[in-house]
Every structure is written in C-alpha cells, then in structure tokens.
Protein backbone atom coordinates (compact mmCIF):
# COMPACT_ATOMS: atom_id res chain seq x y z
CA MET A 1 0.00 0.00 0.00
CA ASN A 2 1.50 3.33 -1.04
CA GLY A 3 -0.66 5.57 1.15
CA LEU A 4 -1.63 7.86 -1.72
CA THR A 5 -5.35 8.30 -2.32
CA PRO A 6 -6.33 9.47 -5.80
CA ALA A 7 -9.29 11.81 -6.08
CA SER A 8 -11.11 9.22 -8.17
CA VAL A 9 -10.56 6.04 -10.16
CA ARG A 10 -12.50 5.22 -13.32
CA VAL A 11 -12.85 1.59 -14.40
CA ARG A 12 -14.78 -0.12 -17.14
CA ALA A 13 -15.67 -3.80 -17.28
CA PRO A 14 -17.25 -5.73 -20.15
CA GLY A 15 -20.38 -7.78 -20.47
CA LYS A 16 -20.05 -11.29 -21.85
CA ILE A 17 -21.62 -13.75 -24.23
CA ASN A 18 -21.53 -17.49 -23.57
CA VAL A 19 -20.79 -18.77 -27.08
CA PHE A 20 -21.02 -22.31 -25.72
CA LEU A 21 -22.74 -23.49 -22.56
CA GLU A 22 -23.24 -27.14 -21.68
CA VAL A 23 -24.97 -27.76 -18.36
CA GLY A 24 -24.48 -31.01 -16.51
CA ASP A 25 -27.14 -32.76 -14.48
CA VAL A 26 -28.28 -31.15 -11.24
CA GLN A 27 -26.05 -32.08 -8.28
CA ASP A 28 -27.14 -33.11 -4.80
CA ASP A 29 -26.58 -29.54 -3.58
CA GLY A 30 -28.85 -28.13 -6.29
CA TYR A 31 -26.03 -26.71 -8.40
CA HIS A 32 -24.94 -27.77 -11.88
CA GLU A 33 -21.52 -28.48 -13.34
CA LEU A 34 -20.89 -26.24 -16.37
CA ALA A 35 -18.63 -26.14 -19.38
CA THR A 36 -18.71 -22.79 -21.10
CA ALA A 37 -16.77 -20.61 -23.50
CA PHE A 38 -17.04 -16.93 -22.61
CA GLN A 39 -16.33 -13.98 -24.88
CA ALA A 40 -16.08 -10.47 -23.42
CA VAL A 41 -17.74 -7.90 -25.68
CA SER A 42 -17.62 -4.14 -26.08
CA LEU A 43 -20.68 -3.32 -23.99
CA TYR A 44 -19.23 -1.89 -20.82
CA GLU A 45 -20.20 -1.09 -17.27
CA GLU A 46 -18.45 2.09 -16.13
CA MET A 47 -17.57 2.83 -12.52
CA VAL A 48 -16.06 5.87 -10.85
CA ALA A 49 -14.80 5.22 -7.31
CA THR A 50 -14.17 8.15 -4.96
CA PRO A 51 -13.00 8.23 -1.32
CA SER A 52 -15.78 7.94 1.24
CA ASP A 53 -16.20 7.13 4.92
CA ASP A 54 -18.12 3.98 4.08
CA ILE A 55 -18.70 1.70 1.09
CA THR A 56 -21.69 3.07 -0.81
CA MET A 57 -22.90 3.05 -4.38
CA SER A 58 -25.22 4.77 -6.83
CA VAL A 59 -26.40 3.67 -10.24
CA THR A 60 -27.44 5.41 -13.45
CA ALA A 61 -28.29 4.03 -16.88
CA LYS A 62 -26.46 4.44 -20.16
CA GLY A 63 -28.76 3.68 -23.06
CA PRO A 64 -31.83 1.45 -22.89
CA VAL A 65 -31.12 -0.18 -19.53
CA ASP A 66 -33.84 -0.48 -16.90
CA ILE A 67 -32.16 0.09 -13.53
CA GLU A 68 -35.36 0.13 -11.48
CA GLY A 69 -34.97 -2.42 -8.75
CA VAL A 70 -31.15 -2.53 -8.85
CA PRO A 71 -30.15 -2.56 -5.16
CA THR A 72 -27.59 -0.06 -3.91
CA ASP A 73 -26.89 -1.71 -0.57
CA GLU A 74 -25.18 -4.95 0.47
CA ARG A 75 -27.44 -6.93 -1.83
CA ASN A 76 -25.44 -5.49 -4.73
CA LEU A 77 -22.47 -7.57 -5.81
CA ALA A 78 -20.29 -4.48 -6.32
CA VAL A 79 -20.75 -3.42 -2.68
CA ARG A 80 -19.96 -6.95 -1.52
CA ALA A 81 -16.86 -6.99 -3.72
CA ALA A 82 -15.53 -3.78 -2.16
CA GLN A 83 -16.26 -5.08 1.33
CA LEU A 84 -14.52 -8.37 0.58
CA LEU A 85 -11.46 -6.57 -0.74
CA ALA A 86 -11.29 -4.33 2.35
CA ARG A 87 -11.44 -7.36 4.66
CA ALA A 88 -8.88 -9.30 2.64
CA ALA A 89 -6.45 -6.35 2.61
CA GLY A 90 -7.08 -5.51 6.26
CA VAL A 91 -7.95 -1.90 5.51
CA ASP A 92 -10.57 0.32 7.10
CA ARG A 93 -11.32 2.40 4.03
CA GLY A 94 -14.46 3.43 2.24
CA ALA A 95 -15.42 4.24 -1.32
CA HIS A 96 -18.41 5.54 -3.19
CA LEU A 97 -18.99 3.50 -6.33
CA ALA A 98 -20.87 5.40 -9.02
CA ILE A 99 -21.94 2.84 -11.63
CA ARG A 100 -23.18 3.71 -15.10
CA LYS A 101 -24.87 0.60 -16.46
CA ALA A 102 -24.94 -0.29 -20.15
CA VAL A 103 -25.15 -4.09 -19.80
CA PRO A 104 -28.80 -5.24 -19.49
CA VAL A 105 -29.94 -5.94 -15.93
CA ALA A 106 -30.84 -9.63 -15.40
CA GLY A 107 -30.08 -10.03 -19.10
CA GLY A 108 -27.75 -13.05 -19.18
CA MET A 109 -24.66 -10.96 -19.97
CA GLY A 110 -23.05 -10.80 -16.53
CA GLY A 111 -23.61 -7.09 -15.84
CA GLY A 112 -23.67 -7.51 -12.08
CA SER A 113 -20.52 -9.61 -12.26
CA ALA A 114 -18.85 -6.90 -14.36
CA ASP A 115 -19.76 -4.38 -11.64
CA ALA A 116 -18.18 -6.61 -9.00
CA ALA A 117 -14.99 -7.00 -11.05
CA ALA A 118 -14.92 -3.23 -11.60
CA ALA A 119 -15.28 -2.66 -7.85
CA LEU A 120 -12.30 -4.92 -7.10
CA VAL A 121 -10.10 -3.11 -9.61
CA ALA A 122 -11.34 0.37 -8.68
CA CYS A 123 -10.97 -0.03 -4.92
CA ASP A 124 -7.57 -1.70 -5.29
CA ALA A 125 -6.39 1.42 -7.15
CA LEU A 126 -8.27 3.90 -4.96
CA TRP A 127 -6.85 2.43 -1.76
CA GLY A 128 -3.36 2.04 -3.22
CA LEU A 129 -3.24 -1.69 -2.48
CA GLY A 130 -1.40 -2.89 -5.58
CA MET A 131 -2.86 -6.35 -5.15
CA PRO A 132 -1.74 -8.89 -7.81
CA THR A 133 -4.33 -9.80 -10.43
CA SER A 134 -4.12 -13.41 -9.27
CA GLU A 135 -5.24 -12.40 -5.79
CA LEU A 136 -8.07 -10.24 -7.16
CA ALA A 137 -9.14 -13.25 -9.25
CA ARG A 138 -9.14 -15.44 -6.13
CA LEU A 139 -11.43 -12.97 -4.39
CA ALA A 140 -13.58 -12.69 -7.51
CA ALA A 141 -14.26 -16.43 -7.40
CA HIS A 142 -15.94 -15.97 -3.99
CA LEU A 143 -18.43 -13.54 -5.50
CA GLY A 144 -19.91 -15.63 -8.31
CA ALA A 145 -19.07 -17.73 -11.32
CA ASP A 146 -18.96 -14.86 -13.85
CA VAL A 147 -16.89 -12.41 -11.77
CA PRO A 148 -13.45 -13.94 -12.44
CA PHE A 149 -14.15 -13.81 -16.18
CA ALA A 150 -15.26 -10.16 -16.03
CA LEU A 151 -11.90 -9.49 -14.39
CA LEU A 152 -9.96 -11.48 -16.99
CA GLY A 153 -11.91 -10.65 -20.16
CA GLY A 154 -10.90 -11.84 -23.61
CA THR A 155 -12.00 -15.39 -24.33
CA ALA A 156 -11.91 -18.19 -21.78
CA VAL A 157 -13.21 -21.63 -20.97
CA GLY A 158 -15.05 -21.98 -17.69
CA THR A 159 -15.59 -25.31 -15.94
CA GLY A 160 -16.82 -26.45 -12.53
CA ARG A 161 -19.55 -23.92 -11.85
CA GLY A 162 -18.10 -21.67 -14.52
CA ASP A 163 -15.52 -20.06 -12.22
CA GLU A 164 -12.56 -22.36 -12.99
CA LEU A 165 -11.09 -20.39 -15.88
CA SER A 166 -8.58 -21.19 -18.58
CA PRO A 167 -7.76 -18.49 -21.15
CA ALA A 168 -8.60 -19.53 -24.72
CA LEU A 169 -6.85 -18.27 -27.82
CA ALA A 170 -9.10 -16.23 -30.12
CA ARG A 171 -7.81 -14.57 -33.27
CA GLY A 172 -9.37 -11.65 -35.04
CA ARG A 173 -12.68 -10.03 -34.22
CA PHE A 174 -16.20 -11.36 -33.89
CA ASP A 175 -19.10 -8.98 -34.53
CA TRP A 176 -22.39 -9.41 -32.71
CA VAL A 177 -25.76 -7.69 -32.63
CA LEU A 178 -27.45 -7.83 -29.24
CA VAL A 179 -31.18 -7.46 -28.72
CA PRO A 180 -31.88 -6.80 -25.02
CA ASN A 181 -35.31 -7.18 -23.46
CA GLU A 182 -36.83 -4.88 -20.88
CA VAL A 183 -38.19 -7.82 -18.86
CA GLY A 184 -35.29 -9.59 -17.12
CA MET A 185 -35.09 -13.28 -16.30
CA SER A 186 -34.08 -15.01 -13.08
CA THR A 187 -31.12 -17.34 -13.54
CA PRO A 188 -32.30 -19.81 -10.84
CA VAL A 189 -35.75 -19.95 -12.46
CA VAL A 190 -34.21 -20.76 -15.86
CA TYR A 191 -32.05 -23.51 -14.35
CA GLY A 192 -35.13 -24.88 -12.60
CA GLU A 193 -36.97 -24.96 -15.93
CA LEU A 194 -33.98 -26.75 -17.50
CA ASP A 195 -34.27 -29.49 -14.87
CA ALA A 196 -38.02 -29.71 -15.48
CA HIS A 197 -37.47 -29.77 -19.27
CA ARG A 198 -35.03 -32.66 -18.92
CA GLU A 199 -37.47 -34.58 -16.73
CA ARG A 200 -40.29 -34.06 -19.22
CA HIS A 201 -38.16 -35.20 -22.17
CA ALA A 202 -35.94 -37.77 -20.42
CA VAL A 203 -36.84 -40.53 -22.87
CA ASP A 204 -35.97 -38.39 -25.92
CA ILE A 205 -32.84 -36.59 -24.76
CA GLY A 206 -31.38 -39.01 -22.22
CA PRO A 207 -29.38 -38.00 -19.14
CA ALA A 208 -27.09 -34.96 -19.16
CA ARG A 209 -23.38 -35.52 -18.83
CA ARG A 210 -22.38 -35.19 -15.20
CA VAL A 211 -19.06 -33.68 -16.26
CA PRO A 212 -19.77 -31.46 -19.30
CA ALA A 213 -17.05 -30.30 -21.70
CA VAL A 214 -16.61 -27.56 -24.30
CA ASP A 215 -16.85 -28.81 -27.89
CA PRO A 216 -13.34 -28.73 -29.44
CA ASP A 217 -14.88 -27.32 -32.64
CA VAL A 218 -15.83 -24.16 -30.72
CA LEU A 219 -12.24 -23.65 -29.58
CA HIS A 220 -11.01 -24.32 -33.12
CA ALA A 221 -13.39 -21.71 -34.54
CA LEU A 222 -12.24 -19.15 -31.97
CA ARG A 223 -8.57 -19.88 -32.70
CA GLN A 224 -9.20 -19.47 -36.43
CA GLY A 225 -11.23 -16.28 -35.97
CA ASP A 226 -13.82 -17.94 -38.22
CA ALA A 227 -17.32 -16.54 -37.64
CA GLU A 228 -19.05 -19.05 -39.91
CA MET A 229 -17.37 -21.96 -38.16
CA LEU A 230 -18.30 -20.51 -34.77
CA ALA A 231 -21.91 -20.01 -35.88
CA ALA A 232 -22.16 -23.73 -36.63
CA THR A 233 -21.02 -24.66 -33.12
CA LEU A 234 -22.90 -22.16 -30.92
CA ARG A 235 -24.74 -23.93 -28.11
CA ASN A 236 -26.62 -22.93 -24.99
CA ASP A 237 -28.36 -25.59 -22.91
CA LEU A 238 -30.35 -22.83 -21.18
CA GLN A 239 -31.87 -21.68 -24.46
CA ALA A 240 -34.73 -24.21 -24.61
CA PRO A 241 -35.92 -23.52 -21.05
CA ALA A 242 -35.56 -19.76 -21.56
CA LEU A 243 -37.66 -19.91 -24.73
CA HIS A 244 -40.21 -22.12 -22.99
CA LEU A 245 -40.58 -19.47 -20.30
CA ARG A 246 -40.53 -16.62 -22.82
CA PRO A 247 -42.01 -17.65 -26.21
CA ASP A 248 -41.74 -14.02 -27.37
CA LEU A 249 -37.97 -14.42 -27.54
CA ALA A 250 -38.28 -17.21 -30.11
CA ARG A 251 -39.99 -14.84 -32.53
CA VAL A 252 -37.15 -12.31 -32.21
CA LEU A 253 -34.59 -15.08 -32.60
CA GLU A 254 -36.24 -16.16 -35.85
CA ARG A 255 -36.38 -12.57 -37.11
CA GLY A 256 -32.66 -12.03 -36.51
CA GLU A 257 -31.67 -15.28 -38.16
CA SER A 258 -33.83 -14.49 -41.21
CA SER A 259 -32.38 -10.96 -41.41
CA GLY A 260 -28.78 -11.88 -42.14
CA ALA A 261 -27.32 -13.26 -38.92
CA LEU A 262 -25.10 -16.32 -39.25
CA ALA A 263 -26.74 -17.64 -36.09
CA GLY A 264 -28.49 -16.42 -32.98
CA LEU A 265 -28.70 -17.66 -29.43
CA VAL A 266 -29.98 -16.73 -26.01
CA SER A 267 -27.14 -15.15 -24.04
CA GLY A 268 -26.59 -17.06 -20.80
CA SER A 269 -29.90 -17.44 -18.96
CA GLY A 270 -31.52 -14.73 -21.11
CA PRO A 271 -33.40 -12.73 -22.09
CA THR A 272 -30.74 -10.91 -24.16
CA LEU A 273 -30.38 -12.41 -27.64
CA ALA A 274 -26.99 -12.44 -29.38
CA PHE A 275 -26.71 -12.65 -33.16
CA LEU A 276 -23.35 -13.49 -34.72
CA ALA A 277 -22.62 -11.63 -37.96
CA ALA A 278 -20.14 -12.47 -40.71
CA ASP A 279 -18.22 -9.20 -40.25
CA GLU A 280 -18.56 -5.60 -39.10
CA SER A 281 -20.46 -4.46 -42.21
CA SER A 282 -22.94 -7.34 -41.92
CA ALA A 283 -23.46 -6.55 -38.24
CA ILE A 284 -24.26 -2.91 -39.02
CA ASP A 285 -26.76 -3.99 -41.69
CA LEU A 286 -28.41 -6.39 -39.24
CA GLN A 287 -28.54 -3.72 -36.54
CA VAL A 288 -30.27 -1.32 -38.96
CA THR A 289 -32.77 -4.00 -40.05
CA LEU A 290 -33.70 -4.98 -36.50
CA SER A 291 -33.91 -1.34 -35.39
CA ALA A 292 -36.26 -0.62 -38.29
CA ALA A 293 -38.46 -3.45 -36.98
CA GLY A 294 -38.80 -1.58 -33.69
CA LEU A 295 -36.27 -3.60 -31.70
CA VAL A 296 -33.42 -2.24 -29.62
CA ALA A 297 -30.31 -3.57 -31.39
CA LEU A 298 -26.72 -2.99 -30.26
CA HIS A 299 -23.64 -3.71 -32.35
CA VAL A 300 -20.72 -4.97 -30.26
CA HIS A 301 -17.52 -6.87 -30.92
CA GLY A 302 -15.26 -9.22 -29.05
CA PRO A 303 -13.04 -10.28 -27.56
CA VAL A 304 -12.13 -7.27 -25.41
CA PRO A 305 -10.07 -6.98 -22.18
CA GLY A 306 -11.56 -7.43 -18.70
CA ALA A 307 -12.01 -4.80 -15.98
CA ARG A 308 -9.41 -2.04 -16.42
CA VAL A 309 -8.63 1.41 -15.05
CA VAL A 310 -9.25 3.94 -17.84
C-alpha cells in the first residue's frame, strides 16, 4: 500500500456472451456443473470510485437499460466486492462506487458480475493496495461464477460452476448484434426450468453428462477467428428452457436469423439475444434492419479486455 489516495478512479468492465454453454445434471446440492466458452464484448459497465467514509454506491443508466430495482446496498455484488477486498487487505477504508450501467440488468450478460470486477479493480487502485491480479481473481471467485471472467476478459473456458477459468486463444474479431429485453429473467428460475425440461423429455434426450465439456470445434473456430465456423457450433443448454418461459424471444430469434445473422442464441440465462454476424459491415446492416423493426439492437464486438482502469 503506497498511502496515496487518488481523487477518483474510473474503471470499465465488459459484459459477456456465452458462445457455448453445456450444463451437466443437477447435483445433490442443487447446483450444476458447467462447461462454457465466454467472450467479453464491447458493452461496458463504467464505474467511478471516490473516497468515502463507508462503502456506498449509486447507479445510473447508459442507453436502454432499466435500472429500477437494482439494489444499492449490500445486496449489490459491487458493494460486496468492495467489502470483501477491504477485509482481505485488512484496511478500514471506504469508497463511493458510481456505476453507469450499459449491460442489461438480469439479461444473461453478466452485468452484475462486471460491476463486482470493476469494484475490485477500482478499490484496489483507490486504496493504493497494488494487489496482484491473481489475488483479485481469487477474491472474484468468492463472488460468483462470472466475476473472475469479467476481471480477466478476452475469451476463456469456464468449468466447474463456470468459475474455474482457462484463457482460450481467439484470433481476429467477432461482430455481434445484441437485442436486449426490458423484462429480465431469473437465472435460478431458468435452471429450474432446465431441470423440469429434462425430466419431461428424459426418454428423448437421455441423461445430461455429469461432467460437461466444451466442444473442441468451438475452440477451433475461436482460434481461427472464423465466424461461420463458430456459428455452426454455438450452443446454450439454457436456451430451450428460456424460450419455454418466454415464447416471445423465439420470434425475435427467428427474425434475426432471417435478417442476415449467421446464427443467434440466447445469451446465458436470457433474455438478451446475441446474433453473430459475418463481419462488421454485416453486423451494421443487421442492426439497422432490427432497429427498423422496432427492436433495440446494439452492435458490439469481441473479444475485449476485462475490468481495467481507464
């Protein structure tokens, strides 16, 4: 700790798309083993941390993000992240975390996890801790499966409950068009529907793998920077239950795929839809087409770095 307190620290952290998500069978403790390939994309949460007597936060929206109902107390993952860091470092310091949200709330893109990663990075800099990234990543793993990835960024494979990360090589740039939805979805509810879906269709689909794995073709497509190859291997086991809960999303998914997308999928547990485009020009065309149909459509690209001071 260097003892110097900057007037403020500004950090941005990316949202993510799960380009592959295989979910194992439910475990005795109610959780599921996962195998996922994450890609961080250029839709960012922004945080400005300033010195304060206590750890507090405020939230505003950037773009079409509904922040009503976002807690600003200890129920918020960013507040818990700052508190965890203070305890781990043995410091009695405060910070006010002003978050400007651009990642959809409860949208399956890890916005809350990005806020938590941003809080770790921001408070580490604000308090002059100089904590190694490896230690921040260890703390991040205590906060939720997506937080370590929001800290790391880029492209990575997640196993276990999604928090055991291995960086994955990805060449080039992948262009996506995101269609958020103003009605969020509960991740536990979607997982519950997945379990129910598997029970209903047990004869047809058989048991899930207890130890899931990422398809090697996905990793090959990422290494090659080949959007068409990646489109052919996109998978999300939460998509069927999400669409069962929200049939309206299926209609938007069909519209995007018939409007020039290489492929579309539900991002994470939904309801955000992610459409993979062949290139930047194709993504812009798709964004214009979907916007003209009255949908909110956002053009983003990946992979991008994780939470960083800017």
